Amino acid sequence: MTKVCRKNGRKDIPWFSWRTDEEGFTLVELMAVVVIIGILAAIAIPNYIGQQDKAKDAAAMAQLRMAATSQQLYYVDQNAYAGDTTDLEAYGFRQGEQVVTVGAADASTYCMQAPGGGGTFRITQDTGRPVSGAC
């Protein structure tokens, strides 16, 4: 059951009509926009969260490398490794967002750790670089 519009001669379907005298969006159009936004959010949010974890991992490893450099400077001066990160401040180390803790230290060895986004990283005088795991 279609009617022909008097103004422009178009066929007018009652359940889906194109009226030029009314303004606004239909419910179908609004729901389509909501669905599209939902799909985009479902794609973007997990990627954003993954990037945050990677950034925290990188920050933790950078903090550990700085702390290791300060530990070596401390060792040259004191002939032993620092047992606390506050002792390393005089040698250029500053705590960042990812807090470094000294797990163990004595005259010949040290182990420091820092939490990342996906786990904990550690560095020792033997490894020389941050690796996954705690002290």
C-alpha atoms as a PDB file:
ATOM      1  CA  MET A   1       0.000   0.000   0.000  1.00  0.00           C
ATOM      2  CA  THR A   2       1.880   2.989  -1.254  1.00  0.00           C
ATOM      3  CA  LYS A   3       0.744   6.523  -1.889  1.00  0.00           C
ATOM      4  CA  VAL A   4       2.195   8.999  -4.282  1.00  0.00           C
ATOM      5  CA  CYS A   5       3.302  12.319  -2.812  1.00  0.00           C
ATOM      6  CA  ARG A   6       1.641  15.364  -4.330  1.00  0.00           C
ATOM      7  CA  LYS A   7       4.727  17.612  -4.036  1.00  0.00           C
ATOM      8  CA  ASN A   8       7.371  15.568  -5.822  1.00  0.00           C
ATOM      9  CA  GLY A   9       5.635  12.469  -7.156  1.00  0.00           C
ATOM     10  CA  ARG A  10       7.632  10.042  -4.986  1.00  0.00           C
ATOM     11  CA  LYS A  11       6.057   6.909  -3.615  1.00  0.00           C
ATOM     12  CA  ASP A  12       5.326   7.202   0.100  1.00  0.00           C
ATOM     13  CA  ILE A  13       5.634   4.013   2.144  1.00  0.00           C
ATOM     14  CA  PRO A  14       3.789   4.537   5.444  1.00  0.00           C
ATOM     15  CA  TRP A  15       6.247   2.702   7.726  1.00  0.00           C
ATOM     16  CA  PHE A  16       9.323   4.328   6.210  1.00  0.00           C
ATOM     17  CA  SER A  17       8.621   7.705   4.769  1.00  0.00           C
ATOM     18  CA  TRP A  18      10.905  10.494   3.737  1.00  0.00           C
ATOM     19  CA  ARG A  19       9.221  13.603   4.964  1.00  0.00           C
ATOM     20  CA  THR A  20      10.963  16.873   4.420  1.00  0.00           C
ATOM     21  CA  ASP A  21       8.754  18.832   6.783  1.00  0.00           C
ATOM     22  CA  GLU A  22      10.018  17.012   9.907  1.00  0.00           C
ATOM     23  CA  GLU A  23      13.454  17.459  11.444  1.00  0.00           C
ATOM     24  CA  GLY A  24      15.610  15.145  13.576  1.00  0.00           C
ATOM     25  CA  PHE A  25      16.979  11.629  13.411  1.00  0.00           C
ATOM     26  CA  THR A  26      15.041   8.396  13.395  1.00  0.00           C
ATOM     27  CA  LEU A  27      15.513   5.764  16.052  1.00  0.00           C
ATOM     28  CA  VAL A  28      17.152   3.451  13.513  1.00  0.00           C
ATOM     29  CA  GLU A  29      19.724   6.104  12.608  1.00  0.00           C
ATOM     30  CA  LEU A  30      20.547   6.770  16.257  1.00  0.00           C
ATOM     31  CA  MET A  31      20.900   3.053  17.009  1.00  0.00           C
ATOM     32  CA  ALA A  32      23.214   2.634  14.009  1.00  0.00           C
ATOM     33  CA  VAL A  33      25.465   5.389  15.351  1.00  0.00           C
ATOM     34  CA  VAL A  34      25.493   3.822  18.831  1.00  0.00           C
ATOM     35  CA  VAL A  35      26.450   0.430  17.361  1.00  0.00           C
ATOM     36  CA  ILE A  36      29.272   1.958  15.319  1.00  0.00           C
ATOM     37  CA  ILE A  37      30.635   3.806  18.358  1.00  0.00           C
ATOM     38  CA  GLY A  38      30.429   0.594  20.381  1.00  0.00           C
ATOM     39  CA  ILE A  39      32.409  -1.332  17.766  1.00  0.00           C
ATOM     40  CA  LEU A  40      35.086   1.358  17.615  1.00  0.00           C
ATOM     41  CA  ALA A  41      35.346   1.417  21.419  1.00  0.00           C
ATOM     42  CA  ALA A  42      35.633  -2.376  21.538  1.00  0.00           C
ATOM     43  CA  ILE A  43      38.607  -2.150  19.185  1.00  0.00           C
ATOM     44  CA  ALA A  44      40.326   0.884  20.718  1.00  0.00           C
ATOM     45  CA  ILE A  45      40.074   0.274  24.476  1.00  0.00           C
ATOM     46  CA  PRO A  46      42.035  -3.034  24.612  1.00  0.00           C
ATOM     47  CA  ASN A  47      44.775  -1.501  22.449  1.00  0.00           C
ATOM     48  CA  TYR A  48      44.993   1.490  24.778  1.00  0.00           C
ATOM     49  CA  ILE A  49      45.225  -0.718  27.866  1.00  0.00           C
ATOM     50  CA  GLY A  50      47.933  -2.833  26.217  1.00  0.00           C
ATOM     51  CA  GLN A  51      49.950   0.286  25.441  1.00  0.00           C
ATOM     52  CA  GLN A  52      49.747   1.406  29.070  1.00  0.00           C
ATOM     53  CA  ASP A  53      51.187  -1.928  30.227  1.00  0.00           C
ATOM     54  CA  LYS A  54      54.012  -1.681  27.691  1.00  0.00           C
ATOM     55  CA  ALA A  55      54.788   1.852  28.859  1.00  0.00           C
ATOM     56  CA  LYS A  56      54.932   0.746  32.508  1.00  0.00           C
ATOM     57  CA  ASP A  57      57.230  -2.150  31.559  1.00  0.00           C
ATOM     58  CA  ALA A  58      59.549   0.224  29.690  1.00  0.00           C
ATOM     59  CA  ALA A  59      59.543   2.667  32.621  1.00  0.00           C
ATOM     60  CA  ALA A  60      60.376  -0.099  35.101  1.00  0.00           C
ATOM     61  CA  MET A  61      63.283  -1.322  32.966  1.00  0.00           C
ATOM     62  CA  ALA A  62      64.611   2.216  32.525  1.00  0.00           C
ATOM     63  CA  GLN A  63      64.417   2.810  36.272  1.00  0.00           C
ATOM     64  CA  LEU A  64      66.316  -0.424  36.919  1.00  0.00           C
ATOM     65  CA  ARG A  65      69.061   0.516  34.456  1.00  0.00           C
ATOM     66  CA  MET A  66      69.458   3.902  36.165  1.00  0.00           C
ATOM     67  CA  ALA A  67      69.567   2.227  39.566  1.00  0.00           C
ATOM     68  CA  ALA A  68      72.178  -0.266  38.319  1.00  0.00           C
ATOM     69  CA  THR A  69      74.377   2.569  37.080  1.00  0.00           C
ATOM     70  CA  SER A  70      74.068   4.262  40.472  1.00  0.00           C
ATOM     71  CA  GLN A  71      74.856   0.950  42.195  1.00  0.00           C
ATOM     72  CA  GLN A  72      78.102   0.675  40.222  1.00  0.00           C
ATOM     73  CA  LEU A  73      79.060   4.244  41.136  1.00  0.00           C
ATOM     74  CA  TYR A  74      78.239   3.495  44.786  1.00  0.00           C
ATOM     75  CA  TYR A  75      80.376   0.336  44.636  1.00  0.00           C
ATOM     76  CA  VAL A  76      83.370   2.233  43.269  1.00  0.00           C
ATOM     77  CA  ASP A  77      83.081   4.723  46.132  1.00  0.00           C
ATOM     78  CA  GLN A  78      82.098   2.420  49.033  1.00  0.00           C
ATOM     79  CA  ASN A  79      83.533  -0.960  47.952  1.00  0.00           C
ATOM     80  CA  ALA A  80      80.093  -2.525  48.569  1.00  0.00           C
ATOM     81  CA  TYR A  81      76.642  -2.324  47.003  1.00  0.00           C
ATOM     82  CA  ALA A  82      73.906  -0.120  48.492  1.00  0.00           C
ATOM     83  CA  GLY A  83      71.231  -1.851  50.527  1.00  0.00           C
ATOM     84  CA  ASP A  84      68.628   0.868  49.953  1.00  0.00           C
ATOM     85  CA  THR A  85      67.687   3.120  47.065  1.00  0.00           C
ATOM     86  CA  THR A  86      67.986   6.231  49.239  1.00  0.00           C
ATOM     87  CA  ASP A  87      71.729   5.542  49.411  1.00  0.00           C
ATOM     88  CA  LEU A  88      71.831   5.744  45.608  1.00  0.00           C
ATOM     89  CA  GLU A  89      70.370   9.254  45.426  1.00  0.00           C
ATOM     90  CA  ALA A  90      73.788  10.807  45.990  1.00  0.00           C
ATOM     91  CA  TYR A  91      74.930   8.931  42.864  1.00  0.00           C
ATOM     92  CA  GLY A  92      72.259  10.284  40.530  1.00  0.00           C
ATOM     93  CA  PHE A  93      69.358   7.901  41.064  1.00  0.00           C
ATOM     94  CA  ARG A  94      65.829   9.314  41.423  1.00  0.00           C
ATOM     95  CA  GLN A  95      62.727   7.204  42.010  1.00  0.00           C
ATOM     96  CA  GLY A  96      60.181   7.370  39.254  1.00  0.00           C
ATOM     97  CA  GLU A  97      56.622   6.145  38.840  1.00  0.00           C
ATOM     98  CA  GLN A  98      57.778   2.508  38.921  1.00  0.00           C
ATOM     99  CA  VAL A  99      59.365   2.221  42.364  1.00  0.00           C
ATOM    100  CA  VAL A 100      62.685   0.378  42.515  1.00  0.00           C
ATOM    101  CA  THR A 101      63.503  -1.628  45.646  1.00  0.00           C
ATOM    102  CA  VAL A 102      66.736  -3.323  46.605  1.00  0.00           C
ATOM    103  CA  GLY A 103      65.937  -6.962  47.297  1.00  0.00           C
ATOM    104  CA  ALA A 104      69.421  -7.949  48.428  1.00  0.00           C
ATOM    105  CA  ALA A 105      72.826  -6.303  48.523  1.00  0.00           C
ATOM    106  CA  ASP A 106      76.193  -6.996  50.127  1.00  0.00           C
ATOM    107  CA  ALA A 107      79.867  -6.450  49.339  1.00  0.00           C
ATOM    108  CA  SER A 108      79.830  -8.524  46.164  1.00  0.00           C
ATOM    109  CA  THR A 109      76.276  -8.709  44.793  1.00  0.00           C
ATOM    110  CA  TYR A 110      72.952  -6.910  44.503  1.00  0.00           C
ATOM    111  CA  CYS A 111      69.458  -7.554  43.226  1.00  0.00           C
ATOM    112  CA  MET A 112      66.934  -4.790  42.573  1.00  0.00           C
ATOM    113  CA  GLN A 113      63.366  -5.061  41.356  1.00  0.00           C
ATOM    114  CA  ALA A 114      60.592  -2.822  40.028  1.00  0.00           C
ATOM    115  CA  PRO A 115      56.948  -3.509  39.129  1.00  0.00           C
ATOM    116  CA  GLY A 116      55.958  -3.105  35.496  1.00  0.00           C
ATOM    117  CA  GLY A 117      52.608  -3.230  33.783  1.00  0.00           C
ATOM    118  CA  GLY A 118      52.618  -6.975  33.207  1.00  0.00           C
ATOM    119  CA  GLY A 119      54.881  -8.223  35.983  1.00  0.00           C
ATOM    120  CA  THR A 120      57.982  -7.533  38.025  1.00  0.00           C
ATOM    121  CA  PHE A 121      61.451  -6.962  36.580  1.00  0.00           C
ATOM    122  CA  ARG A 122      64.811  -7.442  38.291  1.00  0.00           C
ATOM    123  CA  ILE A 123      68.419  -6.596  37.628  1.00  0.00           C
ATOM    124  CA  THR A 124      71.572  -7.974  39.225  1.00  0.00           C
ATOM    125  CA  GLN A 125      75.249  -7.265  38.794  1.00  0.00           C
ATOM    126  CA  ASP A 126      75.492 -10.519  36.802  1.00  0.00           C
ATOM    127  CA  THR A 127      72.627  -9.958  34.355  1.00  0.00           C
ATOM    128  CA  GLY A 128      73.472  -6.310  33.661  1.00  0.00           C
ATOM    129  CA  ARG A 129      70.032  -5.800  32.129  1.00  0.00           C
ATOM    130  CA  PRO A 130      66.447  -6.008  33.385  1.00  0.00           C
ATOM    131  CA  VAL A 131      64.807  -9.438  33.168  1.00  0.00           C
ATOM    132  CA  SER A 132      61.391 -10.714  34.205  1.00  0.00           C
ATOM    133  CA  GLY A 133      61.006 -11.986  37.756  1.00  0.00           C
ATOM    134  CA  ALA A 134      61.487 -10.866  41.308  1.00  0.00           C
ATOM    135  CA  CYS A 135      64.620 -11.003  43.442  1.00  0.00           C
END
